[in-house]
Structures are given as C-alpha cells and as structure tokens.
N, C-alpha and C. Protein backbone atom coordinates (compact mmCIF):
# COMPACT_ATOMS: atom_id res chain seq x y z
N UNK A 1 -133.53 240.70 128.55
CA UNK A 1 -133.21 241.98 129.16
C UNK A 1 -133.17 241.81 130.67
N UNK A 2 -132.22 242.45 131.31
CA UNK A 2 -132.05 242.34 132.75
C UNK A 2 -133.02 243.28 133.47
N UNK A 3 -133.50 242.84 134.61
CA UNK A 3 -134.36 243.66 135.44
C UNK A 3 -133.53 244.73 136.14
N UNK A 4 -134.20 245.77 136.65
CA UNK A 4 -133.50 246.86 137.33
C UNK A 4 -132.76 246.37 138.56
N UNK A 5 -133.37 245.45 139.31
CA UNK A 5 -132.71 244.89 140.49
C UNK A 5 -131.45 244.13 140.12
N UNK A 6 -131.52 243.36 139.04
CA UNK A 6 -130.36 242.59 138.60
C UNK A 6 -129.23 243.50 138.18
N UNK A 7 -129.56 244.62 137.52
CA UNK A 7 -128.54 245.57 137.10
C UNK A 7 -127.88 246.21 138.32
N UNK A 8 -128.67 246.56 139.32
CA UNK A 8 -128.11 247.15 140.53
C UNK A 8 -127.23 246.15 141.27
N UNK A 9 -127.66 244.90 141.35
CA UNK A 9 -126.85 243.88 142.01
C UNK A 9 -125.55 243.63 141.26
N UNK A 10 -125.63 243.62 139.93
CA UNK A 10 -124.45 243.43 139.11
C UNK A 10 -123.48 244.58 139.30
N UNK A 11 -124.01 245.80 139.38
CA UNK A 11 -123.16 246.97 139.63
C UNK A 11 -122.49 246.89 140.98
N UNK A 12 -123.22 246.45 141.99
CA UNK A 12 -122.65 246.32 143.34
C UNK A 12 -121.56 245.26 143.37
N UNK A 13 -121.79 244.14 142.72
CA UNK A 13 -120.78 243.08 142.67
C UNK A 13 -119.55 243.56 141.92
N UNK A 14 -119.76 244.32 140.83
CA UNK A 14 -118.63 244.82 140.05
C UNK A 14 -117.81 245.82 140.85
N UNK A 15 -118.48 246.68 141.62
CA UNK A 15 -117.76 247.67 142.41
C UNK A 15 -117.01 247.03 143.57
N UNK A 16 -117.61 246.05 144.20
CA UNK A 16 -116.96 245.39 145.33
C UNK A 16 -115.91 244.40 144.86
N UNK A 17 -116.06 243.87 143.67
CA UNK A 17 -115.17 242.85 143.11
C UNK A 17 -115.05 241.67 144.07
N UNK A 18 -116.20 241.26 144.60
CA UNK A 18 -116.21 240.18 145.58
C UNK A 18 -116.06 238.81 144.93
N UNK A 19 -116.71 238.59 143.81
CA UNK A 19 -116.57 237.33 143.11
C UNK A 19 -117.60 236.30 143.52
N UNK A 20 -117.52 235.15 142.86
CA UNK A 20 -118.43 234.03 143.07
C UNK A 20 -117.60 232.82 143.46
N UNK A 21 -118.00 232.14 144.51
CA UNK A 21 -117.27 230.98 145.00
C UNK A 21 -117.70 229.74 144.22
N UNK A 22 -116.73 229.02 143.67
CA UNK A 22 -116.99 227.81 142.88
C UNK A 22 -116.52 226.58 143.65
N UNK A 23 -117.37 225.55 143.77
CA UNK A 23 -116.97 224.35 144.51
C UNK A 23 -116.21 223.36 143.62
N UNK A 24 -115.11 222.84 144.16
CA UNK A 24 -114.35 221.77 143.49
C UNK A 24 -114.35 220.57 144.43
N UNK A 25 -114.88 219.45 143.98
CA UNK A 25 -114.98 218.25 144.81
C UNK A 25 -113.75 217.38 144.58
N UNK A 26 -112.99 217.17 145.64
CA UNK A 26 -111.80 216.34 145.55
C UNK A 26 -111.97 215.08 146.40
N UNK A 27 -111.14 214.11 146.16
CA UNK A 27 -111.20 212.84 146.89
C UNK A 27 -110.63 213.01 148.29
N UNK A 28 -109.66 213.89 148.45
CA UNK A 28 -108.95 214.02 149.71
C UNK A 28 -109.72 214.77 150.79
N UNK A 29 -110.71 215.56 150.40
CA UNK A 29 -111.45 216.37 151.37
C UNK A 29 -112.92 216.01 151.37
N UNK A 30 -113.51 216.10 152.55
CA UNK A 30 -114.94 215.83 152.66
C UNK A 30 -115.74 217.02 152.13
N UNK A 31 -115.32 218.23 152.53
CA UNK A 31 -115.97 219.44 152.03
C UNK A 31 -115.33 219.84 150.70
N UNK A 32 -116.09 220.47 149.83
CA UNK A 32 -115.48 220.88 148.56
C UNK A 32 -114.50 222.03 148.76
N UNK A 33 -113.45 222.00 147.98
CA UNK A 33 -112.47 223.08 147.94
C UNK A 33 -113.07 224.19 147.09
N UNK A 34 -112.91 225.46 147.48
CA UNK A 34 -113.57 226.55 146.77
C UNK A 34 -112.56 227.51 146.15
N UNK A 35 -112.84 227.91 144.91
CA UNK A 35 -112.09 228.95 144.21
C UNK A 35 -113.03 230.11 143.94
N UNK A 36 -112.49 231.32 143.88
CA UNK A 36 -113.32 232.50 143.65
C UNK A 36 -113.13 233.00 142.23
N UNK A 37 -114.24 233.11 141.52
CA UNK A 37 -114.23 233.66 140.16
C UNK A 37 -114.71 235.10 140.24
N UNK A 38 -113.85 236.02 139.84
CA UNK A 38 -114.18 237.44 139.90
C UNK A 38 -114.43 237.96 138.49
N UNK A 39 -114.86 239.21 138.41
CA UNK A 39 -115.05 239.83 137.10
C UNK A 39 -113.68 239.96 136.46
N UNK A 40 -113.50 239.49 135.23
CA UNK A 40 -112.17 239.46 134.64
C UNK A 40 -111.63 240.85 134.32
N UNK A 41 -110.31 240.94 134.34
CA UNK A 41 -109.65 242.16 133.87
C UNK A 41 -109.74 242.19 132.36
N UNK A 42 -109.30 243.28 131.77
CA UNK A 42 -109.39 243.41 130.30
C UNK A 42 -108.58 242.31 129.62
N UNK A 43 -107.39 242.03 130.13
CA UNK A 43 -106.54 241.01 129.51
C UNK A 43 -107.20 239.63 129.58
N UNK A 44 -107.71 239.26 130.75
CA UNK A 44 -108.33 237.94 130.86
C UNK A 44 -109.68 237.92 130.13
N UNK A 45 -110.35 239.07 130.03
CA UNK A 45 -111.60 239.13 129.26
C UNK A 45 -111.33 238.92 127.77
N UNK A 46 -110.23 239.46 127.26
CA UNK A 46 -109.86 239.23 125.86
C UNK A 46 -109.57 237.75 125.63
N UNK A 47 -108.85 237.13 126.58
CA UNK A 47 -108.54 235.71 126.47
C UNK A 47 -109.82 234.87 126.49
N UNK A 48 -110.75 235.22 127.38
CA UNK A 48 -112.01 234.49 127.47
C UNK A 48 -112.88 234.76 126.23
N UNK A 49 -112.81 235.97 125.69
CA UNK A 49 -113.61 236.31 124.50
C UNK A 49 -113.18 235.51 123.29
N UNK A 50 -111.90 235.28 123.16
CA UNK A 50 -111.41 234.47 122.03
C UNK A 50 -111.97 233.06 122.10
N UNK A 51 -111.96 232.49 123.30
CA UNK A 51 -112.51 231.14 123.47
C UNK A 51 -114.02 231.15 123.27
N UNK A 52 -114.69 232.20 123.73
CA UNK A 52 -116.15 232.31 123.58
C UNK A 52 -116.53 232.41 122.11
N UNK A 53 -115.79 233.18 121.34
CA UNK A 53 -116.10 233.32 119.91
C UNK A 53 -115.84 232.03 119.15
N UNK A 54 -114.91 231.22 119.63
CA UNK A 54 -114.66 229.94 118.96
C UNK A 54 -115.81 228.97 119.19
N UNK A 55 -116.56 229.14 120.28
CA UNK A 55 -117.70 228.26 120.56
C UNK A 55 -118.84 228.57 119.60
N UNK A 56 -119.21 229.84 119.48
CA UNK A 56 -120.29 230.23 118.57
C UNK A 56 -121.69 230.02 119.11
N UNK A 57 -121.84 229.82 120.42
CA UNK A 57 -123.15 229.61 121.04
C UNK A 57 -123.28 230.58 122.20
N UNK A 58 -124.41 231.25 122.29
CA UNK A 58 -124.66 232.15 123.41
C UNK A 58 -125.29 231.38 124.56
N UNK A 59 -125.19 231.89 125.79
CA UNK A 59 -125.84 231.20 126.91
C UNK A 59 -127.35 231.10 126.74
N UNK A 60 -127.97 232.07 126.06
CA UNK A 60 -129.42 232.01 125.81
C UNK A 60 -129.77 230.85 124.88
N UNK A 61 -128.93 230.63 123.86
CA UNK A 61 -129.15 229.50 122.96
C UNK A 61 -128.97 228.19 123.71
N UNK A 62 -127.99 228.16 124.62
CA UNK A 62 -127.74 226.94 125.39
C UNK A 62 -128.94 226.58 126.26
N UNK A 63 -129.61 227.59 126.82
CA UNK A 63 -130.79 227.34 127.66
C UNK A 63 -131.92 226.69 126.87
N UNK A 64 -132.00 226.98 125.58
CA UNK A 64 -133.05 226.41 124.75
C UNK A 64 -132.77 225.00 124.26
N UNK A 65 -131.58 224.49 124.54
CA UNK A 65 -131.21 223.16 124.09
C UNK A 65 -131.94 222.08 124.89
N UNK A 66 -132.15 220.94 124.23
CA UNK A 66 -132.66 219.75 124.91
C UNK A 66 -131.50 218.97 125.52
N UNK A 67 -131.81 217.80 126.08
CA UNK A 67 -130.79 217.01 126.76
C UNK A 67 -129.67 216.58 125.82
N UNK A 68 -130.03 216.03 124.66
CA UNK A 68 -129.00 215.55 123.73
C UNK A 68 -128.16 216.69 123.19
N UNK A 69 -128.79 217.83 122.94
CA UNK A 69 -128.03 218.98 122.44
C UNK A 69 -127.07 219.50 123.49
N UNK A 70 -127.49 219.49 124.77
CA UNK A 70 -126.60 219.93 125.84
C UNK A 70 -125.42 218.98 126.00
N UNK A 71 -125.68 217.68 125.89
CA UNK A 71 -124.59 216.69 125.98
C UNK A 71 -123.63 216.86 124.82
N UNK A 72 -124.16 217.09 123.63
CA UNK A 72 -123.32 217.31 122.46
C UNK A 72 -122.49 218.59 122.63
N UNK A 73 -123.11 219.64 123.18
CA UNK A 73 -122.39 220.90 123.41
C UNK A 73 -121.23 220.70 124.38
N UNK A 74 -121.49 219.97 125.47
CA UNK A 74 -120.44 219.73 126.46
C UNK A 74 -119.32 218.89 125.86
N UNK A 75 -119.67 217.90 125.03
CA UNK A 75 -118.66 217.06 124.40
C UNK A 75 -117.80 217.86 123.42
N UNK A 76 -118.41 218.77 122.69
CA UNK A 76 -117.68 219.53 121.67
C UNK A 76 -116.95 220.73 122.26
N UNK A 77 -117.56 221.42 123.24
CA UNK A 77 -117.02 222.70 123.69
C UNK A 77 -116.68 222.74 125.17
N UNK A 78 -116.64 221.60 125.84
CA UNK A 78 -116.35 221.57 127.27
C UNK A 78 -114.99 222.13 127.62
N UNK A 79 -113.99 221.87 126.77
CA UNK A 79 -112.65 222.36 127.02
C UNK A 79 -112.61 223.88 126.93
N UNK A 80 -113.27 224.45 125.94
CA UNK A 80 -113.30 225.91 125.78
C UNK A 80 -114.07 226.57 126.92
N UNK A 81 -115.16 225.94 127.37
CA UNK A 81 -115.95 226.49 128.48
C UNK A 81 -115.10 226.51 129.75
N UNK A 82 -114.36 225.44 130.00
CA UNK A 82 -113.52 225.41 131.19
C UNK A 82 -112.40 226.43 131.11
N UNK A 83 -111.87 226.70 129.92
CA UNK A 83 -110.85 227.73 129.77
C UNK A 83 -111.42 229.13 129.99
N UNK A 84 -112.67 229.34 129.61
CA UNK A 84 -113.31 230.64 129.85
C UNK A 84 -113.48 230.86 131.35
N UNK A 85 -113.93 229.84 132.06
CA UNK A 85 -114.09 229.95 133.52
C UNK A 85 -112.73 230.12 134.19
N UNK A 86 -111.71 229.42 133.71
CA UNK A 86 -110.37 229.56 134.26
C UNK A 86 -109.84 230.98 134.05
N UNK A 87 -110.20 231.61 132.94
CA UNK A 87 -109.79 233.00 132.70
C UNK A 87 -110.47 233.94 133.69
N UNK A 88 -111.65 233.59 134.15
CA UNK A 88 -112.32 234.39 135.17
C UNK A 88 -111.70 234.22 136.54
N UNK A 89 -111.11 233.06 136.80
CA UNK A 89 -110.48 232.81 138.09
C UNK A 89 -109.07 233.39 138.13
N UNK A 90 -108.31 233.15 137.08
CA UNK A 90 -106.92 233.63 137.01
C UNK A 90 -106.90 234.95 136.25
N UNK A 91 -106.75 236.05 136.96
CA UNK A 91 -106.83 237.34 136.30
C UNK A 91 -105.47 238.00 136.09
N UNK A 92 -104.42 237.47 136.66
CA UNK A 92 -103.11 238.08 136.55
C UNK A 92 -102.48 237.86 135.18
N UNK A 93 -101.52 238.72 134.80
CA UNK A 93 -100.91 238.58 133.48
C UNK A 93 -100.06 237.32 133.35
N UNK A 94 -99.36 236.94 134.40
CA UNK A 94 -98.50 235.75 134.34
C UNK A 94 -99.30 234.49 134.66
N UNK A 95 -100.07 234.54 135.75
CA UNK A 95 -100.81 233.34 136.15
C UNK A 95 -101.89 232.99 135.13
N UNK A 96 -102.50 234.01 134.53
CA UNK A 96 -103.52 233.74 133.52
C UNK A 96 -102.95 233.05 132.30
N UNK A 97 -101.71 233.37 131.98
CA UNK A 97 -101.07 232.77 130.80
C UNK A 97 -100.54 231.36 131.10
N UNK A 98 -99.90 231.22 132.25
CA UNK A 98 -99.23 229.96 132.56
C UNK A 98 -100.16 228.89 133.14
N UNK A 99 -101.12 229.31 133.96
CA UNK A 99 -101.92 228.33 134.69
C UNK A 99 -103.33 228.15 134.15
N UNK A 100 -103.67 228.79 133.03
CA UNK A 100 -105.02 228.69 132.50
C UNK A 100 -105.37 227.26 132.12
N UNK A 101 -104.53 226.61 131.36
CA UNK A 101 -104.81 225.24 130.91
C UNK A 101 -104.80 224.22 132.05
N UNK A 102 -103.83 224.29 132.99
CA UNK A 102 -103.92 223.35 134.12
C UNK A 102 -105.16 223.57 134.99
N UNK A 103 -105.54 224.84 135.21
CA UNK A 103 -106.74 225.10 136.00
C UNK A 103 -107.99 224.66 135.25
N UNK A 104 -108.02 224.85 133.93
CA UNK A 104 -109.17 224.39 133.14
C UNK A 104 -109.29 222.87 133.24
N UNK A 105 -108.17 222.17 133.22
CA UNK A 105 -108.20 220.72 133.38
C UNK A 105 -108.73 220.35 134.76
N UNK A 106 -108.25 221.06 135.81
CA UNK A 106 -108.72 220.80 137.16
C UNK A 106 -110.22 221.06 137.30
N UNK A 107 -110.71 222.11 136.65
CA UNK A 107 -112.14 222.38 136.67
C UNK A 107 -112.93 221.26 136.00
N UNK A 108 -112.42 220.76 134.88
CA UNK A 108 -113.12 219.66 134.19
C UNK A 108 -113.12 218.40 135.02
N UNK A 109 -112.05 218.17 135.79
CA UNK A 109 -111.94 216.94 136.56
C UNK A 109 -112.71 216.98 137.88
N UNK A 110 -112.81 218.14 138.52
CA UNK A 110 -113.33 218.18 139.88
C UNK A 110 -114.64 218.95 140.04
N UNK A 111 -115.11 219.60 139.02
CA UNK A 111 -116.32 220.42 139.15
C UNK A 111 -117.48 219.73 138.46
N UNK A 112 -118.65 219.84 139.06
CA UNK A 112 -119.85 219.25 138.47
C UNK A 112 -120.16 219.97 137.16
N UNK A 113 -120.59 219.25 136.12
CA UNK A 113 -120.84 219.89 134.82
C UNK A 113 -121.88 221.01 134.86
N UNK A 114 -122.91 220.82 135.68
CA UNK A 114 -123.94 221.86 135.79
C UNK A 114 -123.35 223.12 136.42
N UNK A 115 -122.52 222.94 137.46
CA UNK A 115 -121.89 224.09 138.10
C UNK A 115 -120.93 224.80 137.15
N UNK A 116 -120.23 224.04 136.32
CA UNK A 116 -119.31 224.63 135.35
C UNK A 116 -120.08 225.45 134.31
N UNK A 117 -121.21 224.93 133.85
CA UNK A 117 -122.01 225.67 132.87
C UNK A 117 -122.63 226.91 133.50
N UNK A 118 -123.04 226.82 134.77
CA UNK A 118 -123.57 227.99 135.46
C UNK A 118 -122.49 229.06 135.63
N UNK A 119 -121.27 228.63 135.96
CA UNK A 119 -120.17 229.58 136.10
C UNK A 119 -119.88 230.25 134.76
N UNK A 120 -119.95 229.49 133.67
CA UNK A 120 -119.73 230.04 132.33
C UNK A 120 -120.78 231.11 132.02
N UNK A 121 -122.05 230.81 132.31
CA UNK A 121 -123.12 231.77 132.04
C UNK A 121 -122.99 233.00 132.94
N UNK A 122 -122.63 232.81 134.20
CA UNK A 122 -122.46 233.94 135.11
C UNK A 122 -121.31 234.83 134.68
N UNK A 123 -120.21 234.24 134.26
CA UNK A 123 -119.07 235.03 133.82
C UNK A 123 -119.43 235.88 132.61
N UNK A 124 -120.15 235.29 131.67
CA UNK A 124 -120.52 236.04 130.47
C UNK A 124 -121.57 237.10 130.78
N UNK A 125 -122.47 236.85 131.73
CA UNK A 125 -123.48 237.86 132.05
C UNK A 125 -122.89 238.99 132.88
N UNK A 126 -121.88 238.71 133.71
CA UNK A 126 -121.25 239.76 134.50
C UNK A 126 -120.43 240.71 133.65
N UNK A 127 -119.91 240.23 132.57
CA UNK A 127 -119.06 241.09 131.75
C UNK A 127 -119.85 241.84 130.69
N UNK A 128 -121.18 241.68 130.69
CA UNK A 128 -122.01 242.42 129.73
C UNK A 128 -122.01 243.89 130.11
N UNK A 129 -121.66 244.75 129.18
CA UNK A 129 -121.58 246.18 129.47
C UNK A 129 -122.77 246.95 128.91
N UNK A 130 -123.69 246.28 128.24
CA UNK A 130 -124.82 246.99 127.65
C UNK A 130 -125.77 247.52 128.71
N UNK A 131 -125.84 246.89 129.87
CA UNK A 131 -126.74 247.34 130.92
C UNK A 131 -126.32 248.70 131.47
N UNK A 132 -125.02 248.97 131.44
CA UNK A 132 -124.53 250.24 131.94
C UNK A 132 -124.57 251.33 130.89
N UNK A 133 -125.02 251.02 129.69
CA UNK A 133 -125.15 252.03 128.64
C UNK A 133 -126.14 253.12 129.00
N UNK A 134 -127.18 252.77 129.73
CA UNK A 134 -128.18 253.75 130.15
C UNK A 134 -127.54 254.76 131.10
N UNK A 135 -126.72 254.27 132.02
CA UNK A 135 -126.06 255.15 132.98
C UNK A 135 -125.09 256.09 132.27
N UNK A 136 -124.36 255.57 131.29
CA UNK A 136 -123.41 256.39 130.55
C UNK A 136 -124.14 257.47 129.75
N UNK A 137 -125.26 257.11 129.12
CA UNK A 137 -126.05 258.08 128.37
C UNK A 137 -126.60 259.15 129.29
N UNK A 138 -127.09 258.78 130.45
CA UNK A 138 -127.62 259.73 131.41
C UNK A 138 -126.53 260.69 131.88
N UNK A 139 -125.34 260.19 132.13
CA UNK A 139 -124.24 261.04 132.56
C UNK A 139 -123.83 262.01 131.45
N UNK A 140 -123.92 261.58 130.20
CA UNK A 140 -123.56 262.47 129.09
C UNK A 140 -124.58 263.58 128.91
N UNK A 141 -125.85 263.30 129.17
CA UNK A 141 -126.90 264.28 128.97
C UNK A 141 -126.95 265.28 130.13
N UNK A 142 -126.55 264.86 131.30
CA UNK A 142 -126.66 265.69 132.49
C UNK A 142 -125.79 266.94 132.36
N UNK A 143 -126.30 268.10 132.81
CA UNK A 143 -125.55 269.34 132.79
C UNK A 143 -124.60 269.35 133.98
N UNK A 144 -123.30 269.32 133.69
CA UNK A 144 -122.32 269.22 134.76
C UNK A 144 -122.06 270.55 135.46
N UNK A 145 -122.49 271.65 134.85
CA UNK A 145 -122.29 272.97 135.46
C UNK A 145 -123.41 273.31 136.45
N UNK A 146 -124.52 272.63 136.36
CA UNK A 146 -125.64 272.89 137.25
C UNK A 146 -125.45 272.10 138.54
N UNK A 147 -125.59 272.77 139.71
CA UNK A 147 -125.41 272.02 140.97
C UNK A 147 -126.53 271.01 141.16
N UNK A 148 -126.16 269.89 141.75
CA UNK A 148 -127.14 268.85 142.03
C UNK A 148 -127.94 269.24 143.27
N UNK A 149 -129.24 269.13 143.19
CA UNK A 149 -130.12 269.49 144.29
C UNK A 149 -130.54 268.20 144.98
N UNK A 150 -130.41 268.21 146.29
CA UNK A 150 -130.80 267.00 147.02
C UNK A 150 -132.32 266.91 147.10
N UNK A 151 -132.81 265.75 147.47
CA UNK A 151 -134.24 265.52 147.53
C UNK A 151 -134.91 266.39 148.59
N UNK A 152 -134.24 266.58 149.74
CA UNK A 152 -134.80 267.39 150.81
C UNK A 152 -134.93 268.85 150.40
N UNK A 153 -133.94 269.37 149.67
CA UNK A 153 -134.01 270.76 149.21
C UNK A 153 -135.15 270.95 148.22
N UNK A 154 -135.38 269.97 147.36
CA UNK A 154 -136.48 270.07 146.40
C UNK A 154 -137.82 270.08 147.11
N UNK A 155 -137.97 269.22 148.12
CA UNK A 155 -139.23 269.16 148.86
C UNK A 155 -139.48 270.46 149.61
N UNK A 156 -138.45 271.09 150.17
CA UNK A 156 -138.64 272.34 150.90
C UNK A 156 -139.00 273.48 149.95
N UNK A 157 -138.45 273.43 148.70
CA UNK A 157 -138.78 274.46 147.71
C UNK A 157 -140.23 274.34 147.26
N UNK A 158 -140.74 273.13 147.14
CA UNK A 158 -142.12 272.95 146.68
C UNK A 158 -143.12 273.30 147.78
N UNK A 159 -142.74 273.17 149.04
CA UNK A 159 -143.62 273.48 150.16
C UNK A 159 -143.77 274.99 150.35
N UNK A 160 -142.73 275.75 150.08
CA UNK A 160 -142.80 277.19 150.32
C UNK A 160 -143.41 277.97 149.19
C-alpha cells in the first residue's frame, strides 16, 4: 500500500506530466543520453498492458526473487520489459506503433539492466489508479449543492 506522501507526489507528477529521465549510455558520448518516460496515454497504456499480461509477474513478485530468479526473469522477459518501457516513452499514435520495437532494442543495448527494471516498476506504479479511488469516492459522497467553507471561516464561526 502506498503512503499518503507517495500518493500526493504521484498525483503531482501526473498533473504536471513531467516524466522521469532515463539514462542511455552510448559509446560516442561521455555523458549519458537521456530520454523522458512520462505517464502513458490510454493507447500506449493498452499496448504496455498487453506486454505486461504476457509476462505474468508483478513488480512485487520480482522484488522477492533471488539472484538466479532475477537473471532467469531478465532472460525470459527482458524483451517484453523493454517494450513496456518504450511504450511509456513513445506516447504518440504513430510513433508508438512504428518506433516501439527499435526503441525497445535501443533500451536493451544502451541501458543498464537495473535501471531498465526500475523504469519498468516505476511505469507500472505510476499507472496504478487504485490510489485515486479514495478521492473519487470522497467526491461522490460530497454534497455538491452545499457551499464549501474555508478553514478561516470555520475558525471564526467557532470563536464567536
């Protein structure tokens, strides 16, 4: 379960749509080249969800793996994980379709495996909508016809 601070930070990142910078280490540059992975659109989320369901392992299960199990997971599902991260980077309807596989290959070739797995876990945790279920329930219960009272007005009413 996510902490309240994590939910607020996730909400802020989602509203700003700032994204997460991913390092790609190339031979030609001394500093790593960076790509930004943002919260996916519905189309790219559907594409990433198909690849995620083909894996059949949650990020929580992956955390419980030992060294050999993690190596086996990367060997079996590394291509699908890179395609999921590529879907988070390429969000457009045309670019997501045409450049997903070449970008996934580039991610596998130039990105550190630990960074790729972290990006995979971050992408899946950012797209979790269950944390916002509390906010939706609260908005449904709230009386929309009643005016909202500010904190200062409430304090002045209790003092008098």
